[in-house]
Amino acid sequence: MGSSTIAHCDACTYESDTLMTGGGMRNFRTYDARPVHCAQCHAVTTANFKAQTLTCLRCDGREVTPIEGKGPALCPKCGKAELRLTSGGIMWD
């Protein structure tokens, strides 16, 4: 089962698009989208963590850093460690 997540920076106005994370019933064996910071498109986006190589699902860039969600992460806009993940309120299958 997948869900949605939004990244929001407490220090500036940055807010990501709604990120669809996880995998569905049909693809959970090969697909597990999780939040990443992409250095190429300068955004918080997702990457398939079941792929051999982590790549940004937005721009196909390989310069991605996983965002754990346990504590604040670096914001792609202001560079401060004030980025937090919150539930987007959507569940998908």
PDB file of N, CA and C in Angstrom:
ATOM      1  N   MET A   1       0.852  -1.176   0.000  1.00  0.00           N
ATOM      2  CA  MET A   1       0.000   0.000   0.000  1.00  0.00           C
ATOM      3  C   MET A   1       0.890   1.228   0.000  1.00  0.00           C
ATOM      4  N   GLY A   2       0.564   2.182  -0.818  1.00  0.00           N
ATOM      5  CA  GLY A   2       1.308   3.426  -0.889  1.00  0.00           C
ATOM      6  C   GLY A   2       0.594   4.539  -0.147  1.00  0.00           C
ATOM      7  N   SER A   3       1.326   5.602   0.079  1.00  0.00           N
ATOM      8  CA  SER A   3       0.745   6.769   0.727  1.00  0.00           C
ATOM      9  C   SER A   3       1.383   8.020   0.131  1.00  0.00           C
ATOM     10  N   SER A   4       0.935   9.164   0.579  1.00  0.00           N
ATOM     11  CA  SER A   4       1.499  10.406   0.068  1.00  0.00           C
ATOM     12  C   SER A   4       2.234  11.134   1.187  1.00  0.00           C
ATOM     13  N   THR A   5       3.228  11.898   0.777  1.00  0.00           N
ATOM     14  CA  THR A   5       4.059  12.656   1.697  1.00  0.00           C
ATOM     15  C   THR A   5       4.309  14.025   1.090  1.00  0.00           C
ATOM     16  N   ILE A   6       4.446  15.019   1.944  1.00  0.00           N
ATOM     17  CA  ILE A   6       4.817  16.367   1.506  1.00  0.00           C
ATOM     18  C   ILE A   6       6.015  16.802   2.336  1.00  0.00           C
ATOM     19  N   ALA A   7       7.013  17.391   1.672  1.00  0.00           N
ATOM     20  CA  ALA A   7       8.174  17.938   2.364  1.00  0.00           C
ATOM     21  C   ALA A   7       7.968  19.440   2.504  1.00  0.00           C
ATOM     22  N   HIS A   8       8.187  19.949   3.720  1.00  0.00           N
ATOM     23  CA  HIS A   8       8.002  21.373   3.995  1.00  0.00           C
ATOM     24  C   HIS A   8       9.169  21.874   4.822  1.00  0.00           C
ATOM     25  N   CYS A   9       9.725  23.025   4.436  1.00  0.00           N
ATOM     26  CA  CYS A   9      10.831  23.624   5.179  1.00  0.00           C
ATOM     27  C   CYS A   9      10.286  24.637   6.184  1.00  0.00           C
ATOM     28  N   ASP A  10      10.690  24.499   7.443  1.00  0.00           N
ATOM     29  CA  ASP A  10      10.261  25.425   8.490  1.00  0.00           C
ATOM     30  C   ASP A  10      11.001  26.761   8.420  1.00  0.00           C
ATOM     31  N   ALA A  11      12.128  26.804   7.690  1.00  0.00           N
ATOM     32  CA  ALA A  11      12.944  28.019   7.635  1.00  0.00           C
ATOM     33  C   ALA A  11      12.612  28.925   6.444  1.00  0.00           C
ATOM     34  N   CYS A  12      12.018  28.371   5.403  1.00  0.00           N
ATOM     35  CA  CYS A  12      11.685  29.180   4.220  1.00  0.00           C
ATOM     36  C   CYS A  12      10.329  28.736   3.686  1.00  0.00           C
ATOM     37  N   THR A  13      10.010  29.095   2.487  1.00  0.00           N
ATOM     38  CA  THR A  13       8.683  28.794   1.933  1.00  0.00           C
ATOM     39  C   THR A  13       8.649  27.527   1.093  1.00  0.00           C
ATOM     40  N   TYR A  14       9.749  26.745   1.080  1.00  0.00           N
ATOM     41  CA  TYR A  14       9.783  25.566   0.216  1.00  0.00           C
ATOM     42  C   TYR A  14       8.767  24.525   0.652  1.00  0.00           C
ATOM     43  N   GLU A  15       8.021  24.014  -0.321  1.00  0.00           N
ATOM     44  CA  GLU A  15       7.137  22.878  -0.109  1.00  0.00           C
ATOM     45  C   GLU A  15       7.158  22.044  -1.382  1.00  0.00           C
ATOM     46  N   SER A  16       7.359  20.753  -1.218  1.00  0.00           N
ATOM     47  CA  SER A  16       7.417  19.859  -2.379  1.00  0.00           C
ATOM     48  C   SER A  16       6.032  19.626  -2.951  1.00  0.00           C
ATOM     49  N   ASP A  17       6.017  19.071  -4.149  1.00  0.00           N
ATOM     50  CA  ASP A  17       4.770  18.546  -4.694  1.00  0.00           C
ATOM     51  C   ASP A  17       4.371  17.368  -3.811  1.00  0.00           C
ATOM     52  N   THR A  18       3.158  16.880  -3.943  1.00  0.00           N
ATOM     53  CA  THR A  18       2.747  15.691  -3.217  1.00  0.00           C
ATOM     54  C   THR A  18       3.541  14.510  -3.757  1.00  0.00           C
ATOM     55  N   LEU A  19       4.228  13.810  -2.868  1.00  0.00           N
ATOM     56  CA  LEU A  19       5.065  12.675  -3.246  1.00  0.00           C
ATOM     57  C   LEU A  19       4.304  11.386  -2.983  1.00  0.00           C
ATOM     58  N   MET A  20       4.136  10.585  -4.014  1.00  0.00           N
ATOM     59  CA  MET A  20       3.470   9.296  -3.848  1.00  0.00           C
ATOM     60  C   MET A  20       4.549   8.273  -3.495  1.00  0.00           C
ATOM     61  N   THR A  21       4.476   7.734  -2.292  1.00  0.00           N
ATOM     62  CA  THR A  21       5.515   6.841  -1.786  1.00  0.00           C
ATOM     63  C   THR A  21       4.978   5.424  -1.598  1.00  0.00           C
ATOM     64  N   GLY A  22       5.915   4.474  -1.532  1.00  0.00           N
ATOM     65  CA  GLY A  22       5.541   3.076  -1.346  1.00  0.00           C
ATOM     66  C   GLY A  22       5.349   2.377  -2.674  1.00  0.00           C
ATOM     67  N   GLY A  23       4.571   1.319  -2.650  1.00  0.00           N
ATOM     68  CA  GLY A  23       4.280   0.536  -3.849  1.00  0.00           C
ATOM     69  C   GLY A  23       2.856   0.025  -3.787  1.00  0.00           C
ATOM     70  N   GLY A  24       2.343  -0.390  -4.913  1.00  0.00           N
ATOM     71  CA  GLY A  24       0.972  -0.891  -4.979  1.00  0.00           C
ATOM     72  C   GLY A  24       0.921  -2.407  -5.035  1.00  0.00           C
ATOM     73  N   MET A  25      -0.281  -2.936  -5.088  1.00  0.00           N
ATOM     74  CA  MET A  25      -0.462  -4.387  -5.131  1.00  0.00           C
ATOM     75  C   MET A  25       0.178  -5.009  -6.365  1.00  0.00           C
ATOM     76  N   ARG A  26       0.172  -4.313  -7.474  1.00  0.00           N
ATOM     77  CA  ARG A  26       0.691  -4.862  -8.727  1.00  0.00           C
ATOM     78  C   ARG A  26       2.209  -4.736  -8.866  1.00  0.00           C
ATOM     79  N   ASN A  27       2.823  -3.777  -8.152  1.00  0.00           N
ATOM     80  CA  ASN A  27       4.246  -3.540  -8.388  1.00  0.00           C
ATOM     81  C   ASN A  27       5.118  -3.548  -7.132  1.00  0.00           C
ATOM     82  N   PHE A  28       4.589  -3.961  -5.998  1.00  0.00           N
ATOM     83  CA  PHE A  28       5.342  -3.846  -4.745  1.00  0.00           C
ATOM     84  C   PHE A  28       6.631  -4.664  -4.727  1.00  0.00           C
ATOM     85  N   ARG A  29       6.731  -5.666  -5.565  1.00  0.00           N
ATOM     86  CA  ARG A  29       7.963  -6.472  -5.597  1.00  0.00           C
ATOM     87  C   ARG A  29       9.102  -5.745  -6.312  1.00  0.00           C
ATOM     88  N   THR A  30       8.771  -4.828  -7.195  1.00  0.00           N
ATOM     89  CA  THR A  30       9.795  -4.138  -7.983  1.00  0.00           C
ATOM     90  C   THR A  30       9.809  -2.630  -7.782  1.00  0.00           C
ATOM     91  N   TYR A  31       8.857  -2.089  -7.006  1.00  0.00           N
ATOM     92  CA  TYR A  31       8.740  -0.641  -6.877  1.00  0.00           C
ATOM     93  C   TYR A  31       8.489  -0.240  -5.433  1.00  0.00           C
ATOM     94  N   ASP A  32       9.324   0.658  -4.922  1.00  0.00           N
ATOM     95  CA  ASP A  32       9.159   1.210  -3.578  1.00  0.00           C
ATOM     96  C   ASP A  32       9.683   2.645  -3.599  1.00  0.00           C
ATOM     97  N   ALA A  33       8.808   3.582  -3.887  1.00  0.00           N
ATOM     98  CA  ALA A  33       9.197   4.989  -3.982  1.00  0.00           C
ATOM     99  C   ALA A  33       9.359   5.580  -2.586  1.00  0.00           C
ATOM    100  N   ARG A  34      10.481   6.278  -2.393  1.00  0.00           N
ATOM    101  CA  ARG A  34      10.751   6.955  -1.123  1.00  0.00           C
ATOM    102  C   ARG A  34      11.318   8.337  -1.409  1.00  0.00           C
ATOM    103  N   PRO A  35      11.174   9.261  -0.444  1.00  0.00           N
ATOM    104  CA  PRO A  35      11.661  10.635  -0.657  1.00  0.00           C
ATOM    105  C   PRO A  35      13.180  10.711  -0.759  1.00  0.00           C
ATOM    106  N   VAL A  36      13.628  11.564  -1.691  1.00  0.00           N
ATOM    107  CA  VAL A  36      15.045  11.853  -1.868  1.00  0.00           C
ATOM    108  C   VAL A  36      15.218  13.337  -2.174  1.00  0.00           C
ATOM    109  N   HIS A  37      16.420  13.821  -1.916  1.00  0.00           N
ATOM    110  CA  HIS A  37      16.800  15.161  -2.343  1.00  0.00           C
ATOM    111  C   HIS A  37      17.594  14.985  -3.627  1.00  0.00           C
ATOM    112  N   CYS A  38      17.178  15.617  -4.710  1.00  0.00           N
ATOM    113  CA  CYS A  38      17.867  15.493  -5.988  1.00  0.00           C
ATOM    114  C   CYS A  38      18.708  16.745  -6.232  1.00  0.00           C
ATOM    115  N   ALA A  39      20.020  16.544  -6.358  1.00  0.00           N
ATOM    116  CA  ALA A  39      20.933  17.660  -6.605  1.00  0.00           C
ATOM    117  C   ALA A  39      20.825  18.172  -8.034  1.00  0.00           C
ATOM    118  N   GLN A  40      20.322  17.348  -8.945  1.00  0.00           N
ATOM    119  CA  GLN A  40      20.233  17.757 -10.346  1.00  0.00           C
ATOM    120  C   GLN A  40      19.047  18.686 -10.594  1.00  0.00           C
ATOM    121  N   CYS A  41      17.872  18.354 -10.075  1.00  0.00           N
ATOM    122  CA  CYS A  41      16.701  19.223 -10.298  1.00  0.00           C
ATOM    123  C   CYS A  41      16.383  20.096  -9.089  1.00  0.00           C
ATOM    124  N   HIS A  42      17.220  20.015  -8.046  1.00  0.00           N
ATOM    125  CA  HIS A  42      17.104  20.865  -6.848  1.00  0.00           C
ATOM    126  C   HIS A  42      15.710  20.793  -6.231  1.00  0.00           C
ATOM    127  N   ALA A  43      15.267  19.561  -6.002  1.00  0.00           N
ATOM    128  CA  ALA A  43      13.930  19.364  -5.444  1.00  0.00           C
ATOM    129  C   ALA A  43      13.909  18.136  -4.542  1.00  0.00           C
ATOM    130  N   VAL A  44      12.886  18.075  -3.722  1.00  0.00           N
ATOM    131  CA  VAL A  44      12.597  16.849  -2.984  1.00  0.00           C
ATOM    132  C   VAL A  44      11.618  16.094  -3.856  1.00  0.00           C
ATOM    133  N   THR A  45      11.980  14.882  -4.196  1.00  0.00           N
ATOM    134  CA  THR A  45      11.188  14.064  -5.093  1.00  0.00           C
ATOM    135  C   THR A  45      11.271  12.620  -4.604  1.00  0.00           C
ATOM    136  N   THR A  46      11.067  11.644  -5.469  1.00  0.00           N
ATOM    137  CA  THR A  46      11.142  10.245  -5.061  1.00  0.00           C
ATOM    138  C   THR A  46      12.074   9.461  -5.969  1.00  0.00           C
ATOM    139  N   ALA A  47      12.532   8.327  -5.447  1.00  0.00           N
ATOM    140  CA  ALA A  47      13.329   7.372  -6.211  1.00  0.00           C
ATOM    141  C   ALA A  47      12.829   5.980  -5.856  1.00  0.00           C
ATOM    142  N   ASN A  48      12.951   5.060  -6.785  1.00  0.00           N
ATOM    143  CA  ASN A  48      12.550   3.675  -6.564  1.00  0.00           C
ATOM    144  C   ASN A  48      13.684   2.953  -5.831  1.00  0.00           C
ATOM    145  N   PHE A  49      13.474   2.630  -4.578  1.00  0.00           N
ATOM    146  CA  PHE A  49      14.504   2.003  -3.758  1.00  0.00           C
ATOM    147  C   PHE A  49      14.682   0.515  -4.059  1.00  0.00           C
ATOM    148  N   LYS A  50      13.873  -0.040  -4.941  1.00  0.00           N
ATOM    149  CA  LYS A  50      14.066  -1.427  -5.365  1.00  0.00           C
ATOM    150  C   LYS A  50      14.792  -1.512  -6.709  1.00  0.00           C
ATOM    151  N   ALA A  51      15.136  -0.370  -7.280  1.00  0.00           N
ATOM    152  CA  ALA A  51      15.898  -0.343  -8.529  1.00  0.00           C
ATOM    153  C   ALA A  51      17.376  -0.552  -8.211  1.00  0.00           C
ATOM    154  N   GLN A  52      18.120  -1.031  -9.191  1.00  0.00           N
ATOM    155  CA  GLN A  52      19.549  -1.259  -8.996  1.00  0.00           C
ATOM    156  C   GLN A  52      20.292   0.036  -8.715  1.00  0.00           C
ATOM    157  N   THR A  53      19.940   1.093  -9.425  1.00  0.00           N
ATOM    158  CA  THR A  53      20.550   2.401  -9.237  1.00  0.00           C
ATOM    159  C   THR A  53      19.472   3.386  -8.839  1.00  0.00           C
ATOM    160  N   LEU A  54      19.696   4.135  -7.748  1.00  0.00           N
ATOM    161  CA  LEU A  54      18.734   5.157  -7.342  1.00  0.00           C
ATOM    162  C   LEU A  54      18.784   6.311  -8.328  1.00  0.00           C
ATOM    163  N   THR A  55      17.649   6.629  -8.902  1.00  0.00           N
ATOM    164  CA  THR A  55      17.541   7.780  -9.800  1.00  0.00           C
ATOM    165  C   THR A  55      16.282   8.558  -9.450  1.00  0.00           C
ATOM    166  N   CYS A  56      16.351   9.845  -9.640  1.00  0.00           N
ATOM    167  CA  CYS A  56      15.221  10.736  -9.395  1.00  0.00           C
ATOM    168  C   CYS A  56      14.099  10.389 -10.371  1.00  0.00           C
ATOM    169  N   LEU A  57      12.904  10.176  -9.862  1.00  0.00           N
ATOM    170  CA  LEU A  57      11.767   9.848 -10.733  1.00  0.00           C
ATOM    171  C   LEU A  57      11.215  11.078 -11.442  1.00  0.00           C
ATOM    172  N   ARG A  58      11.722  12.255 -11.076  1.00  0.00           N
ATOM    173  CA  ARG A  58      11.287  13.498 -11.720  1.00  0.00           C
ATOM    174  C   ARG A  58      12.163  13.840 -12.929  1.00  0.00           C
ATOM    175  N   CYS A  59      13.513  13.764 -12.753  1.00  0.00           N
ATOM    176  CA  CYS A  59      14.412  14.192 -13.827  1.00  0.00           C
ATOM    177  C   CYS A  59      15.367  13.095 -14.283  1.00  0.00           C
ATOM    178  N   ASP A  60      15.299  11.927 -13.661  1.00  0.00           N
ATOM    179  CA  ASP A  60      16.152  10.790 -13.982  1.00  0.00           C
ATOM    180  C   ASP A  60      17.610  11.003 -13.567  1.00  0.00           C
ATOM    181  N   GLY A  61      17.861  12.002 -12.722  1.00  0.00           N
ATOM    182  CA  GLY A  61      19.213  12.270 -12.237  1.00  0.00           C
ATOM    183  C   GLY A  61      19.661  11.228 -11.224  1.00  0.00           C
ATOM    184  N   ARG A  62      20.976  11.038 -11.137  1.00  0.00           N
ATOM    185  CA  ARG A  62      21.538  10.040 -10.223  1.00  0.00           C
ATOM    186  C   ARG A  62      22.119  10.645  -8.956  1.00  0.00           C
ATOM    187  N   GLU A  63      22.088  11.957  -8.834  1.00  0.00           N
ATOM    188  CA  GLU A  63      22.634  12.623  -7.653  1.00  0.00           C
ATOM    189  C   GLU A  63      21.528  12.791  -6.614  1.00  0.00           C
ATOM    190  N   VAL A  64      21.107  11.679  -6.023  1.00  0.00           N
ATOM    191  CA  VAL A  64      20.026  11.708  -5.045  1.00  0.00           C
ATOM    192  C   VAL A  64      20.520  11.269  -3.673  1.00  0.00           C
ATOM    193  N   THR A  65      19.953  11.894  -2.640  1.00  0.00           N
ATOM    194  CA  THR A  65      20.267  11.561  -1.264  1.00  0.00           C
ATOM    195  C   THR A  65      18.963  11.184  -0.569  1.00  0.00           C
ATOM    196  N   PRO A  66      18.871   9.991   0.002  1.00  0.00           N
ATOM    197  CA  PRO A  66      17.639   9.590   0.697  1.00  0.00           C
ATOM    198  C   PRO A  66      17.321  10.519   1.866  1.00  0.00           C
ATOM    199  N   ILE A  67      16.042  10.759   2.074  1.00  0.00           N
ATOM    200  CA  ILE A  67      15.559  11.528   3.224  1.00  0.00           C
ATOM    201  C   ILE A  67      14.850  10.543   4.140  1.00  0.00           C
ATOM    202  N   GLU A  68      15.352  10.404   5.337  1.00  0.00           N
ATOM    203  CA  GLU A  68      14.855   9.382   6.265  1.00  0.00           C
ATOM    204  C   GLU A  68      13.507   9.709   6.893  1.00  0.00           C
ATOM    205  N   GLY A  69      13.221  10.957   7.176  1.00  0.00           N
ATOM    206  CA  GLY A  69      11.966  11.304   7.819  1.00  0.00           C
ATOM    207  C   GLY A  69      12.031  11.264   9.337  1.00  0.00           C
ATOM    208  N   LYS A  70      13.163  10.792   9.904  1.00  0.00           N
ATOM    209  CA  LYS A  70      13.289  10.729  11.372  1.00  0.00           C
ATOM    210  C   LYS A  70      13.581  12.093  11.957  1.00  0.00           C
ATOM    211  N   GLY A  71      14.304  12.898  11.251  1.00  0.00           N
ATOM    212  CA  GLY A  71      14.653  14.233  11.729  1.00  0.00           C
ATOM    213  C   GLY A  71      14.671  15.185  10.560  1.00  0.00           C
ATOM    214  N   PRO A  72      14.962  16.455  10.825  1.00  0.00           N
ATOM    215  CA  PRO A  72      14.984  17.412   9.713  1.00  0.00           C
ATOM    216  C   PRO A  72      16.097  17.101   8.717  1.00  0.00           C
ATOM    217  N   ALA A  73      15.835  17.380   7.454  1.00  0.00           N
ATOM    218  CA  ALA A  73      16.798  17.178   6.365  1.00  0.00           C
ATOM    219  C   ALA A  73      17.146  18.534   5.763  1.00  0.00           C
ATOM    220  N   LEU A  74      18.130  18.549   4.877  1.00  0.00           N
ATOM    221  CA  LEU A  74      18.527  19.789   4.225  1.00  0.00           C
ATOM    222  C   LEU A  74      17.494  20.210   3.189  1.00  0.00           C
ATOM    223  N   CYS A  75      17.139  21.471   3.217  1.00  0.00           N
ATOM    224  CA  CYS A  75      16.177  22.036   2.272  1.00  0.00           C
ATOM    225  C   CYS A  75      16.886  22.338   0.956  1.00  0.00           C
ATOM    226  N   PRO A  76      16.289  21.964  -0.199  1.00  0.00           N
ATOM    227  CA  PRO A  76      16.919  22.258  -1.475  1.00  0.00           C
ATOM    228  C   PRO A  76      16.875  23.741  -1.847  1.00  0.00           C
ATOM    229  N   LYS A  77      16.030  24.515  -1.182  1.00  0.00           N
ATOM    230  CA  LYS A  77      15.912  25.938  -1.503  1.00  0.00           C
ATOM    231  C   LYS A  77      16.855  26.799  -0.662  1.00  0.00           C
ATOM    232  N   CYS A  78      16.809  26.652   0.675  1.00  0.00           N
ATOM    233  CA  CYS A  78      17.613  27.521   1.544  1.00  0.00           C
ATOM    234  C   CYS A  78      18.848  26.832   2.116  1.00  0.00           C
ATOM    235  N   GLY A  79      18.926  25.503   2.018  1.00  0.00           N
ATOM    236  CA  GLY A  79      20.092  24.768   2.499  1.00  0.00           C
ATOM    237  C   GLY A  79      20.131  24.515   3.983  1.00  0.00           C
ATOM    238  N   LYS A  80      19.110  24.946   4.709  1.00  0.00           N
ATOM    239  CA  LYS A  80      19.078  24.727   6.163  1.00  0.00           C
ATOM    240  C   LYS A  80      18.475  23.364   6.479  1.00  0.00           C
ATOM    241  N   ALA A  81      18.874  22.795   7.592  1.00  0.00           N
ATOM    242  CA  ALA A  81      18.361  21.488   8.030  1.00  0.00           C
ATOM    243  C   ALA A  81      17.035  21.667   8.753  1.00  0.00           C
ATOM    244  N   GLU A  82      16.046  22.156   8.018  1.00  0.00           N
ATOM    245  CA  GLU A  82      14.723  22.425   8.588  1.00  0.00           C
ATOM    246  C   GLU A  82      13.603  21.756   7.779  1.00  0.00           C
ATOM    247  N   LEU A  83      13.971  20.841   6.893  1.00  0.00           N
ATOM    248  CA  LEU A  83      12.984  20.187   6.024  1.00  0.00           C
ATOM    249  C   LEU A  83      12.378  18.990   6.743  1.00  0.00           C
ATOM    250  N   ARG A  84      11.063  18.946   6.790  1.00  0.00           N
ATOM    251  CA  ARG A  84      10.360  17.856   7.471  1.00  0.00           C
ATOM    252  C   ARG A  84       9.348  17.224   6.518  1.00  0.00           C
ATOM    253  N   LEU A  85       9.147  15.931   6.712  1.00  0.00           N
ATOM    254  CA  LEU A  85       8.157  15.191   5.925  1.00  0.00           C
ATOM    255  C   LEU A  85       6.874  15.071   6.727  1.00  0.00           C
ATOM    256  N   THR A  86       5.755  15.316   6.073  1.00  0.00           N
ATOM    257  CA  THR A  86       4.452  15.151   6.718  1.00  0.00           C
ATOM    258  C   THR A  86       3.554  14.323   5.809  1.00  0.00           C
ATOM    259  N   SER A  87       2.559  13.725   6.390  1.00  0.00           N
ATOM    260  CA  SER A  87       1.613  12.916   5.629  1.00  0.00           C
ATOM    261  C   SER A  87       0.806  13.804   4.695  1.00  0.00           C
ATOM    262  N   GLY A  88       0.621  13.332   3.461  1.00  0.00           N
ATOM    263  CA  GLY A  88      -0.189  14.057   2.494  1.00  0.00           C
ATOM    264  C   GLY A  88      -1.652  13.669   2.547  1.00  0.00           C
ATOM    265  N   GLY A  89      -1.981  12.652   3.331  1.00  0.00           N
ATOM    266  CA  GLY A  89      -3.375  12.256   3.526  1.00  0.00           C
ATOM    267  C   GLY A  89      -3.960  11.375   2.446  1.00  0.00           C
ATOM    268  N   ILE A  90      -3.147  10.892   1.513  1.00  0.00           N
ATOM    269  CA  ILE A  90      -3.652  10.041   0.431  1.00  0.00           C
ATOM    270  C   ILE A  90      -3.086   8.644   0.590  1.00  0.00           C
ATOM    271  N   MET A  91      -3.921   7.632   0.483  1.00  0.00           N
ATOM    272  CA  MET A  91      -3.492   6.236   0.468  1.00  0.00           C
ATOM    273  C   MET A  91      -3.829   5.692  -0.910  1.00  0.00           C
ATOM    274  N   TRP A  92      -2.919   4.895  -1.470  1.00  0.00           N
ATOM    275  CA  TRP A  92      -3.164   4.322  -2.798  1.00  0.00           C
ATOM    276  C   TRP A  92      -2.741   2.861  -2.821  1.00  0.00           C
ATOM    277  N   ASP A  93      -3.230   2.149  -3.802  1.00  0.00           N
ATOM    278  CA  ASP A  93      -2.966   0.714  -3.880  1.00  0.00           C
ATOM    279  C   ASP A  93      -2.602   0.295  -5.271  1.00  0.00           C
TER     280      ASP A  93
END
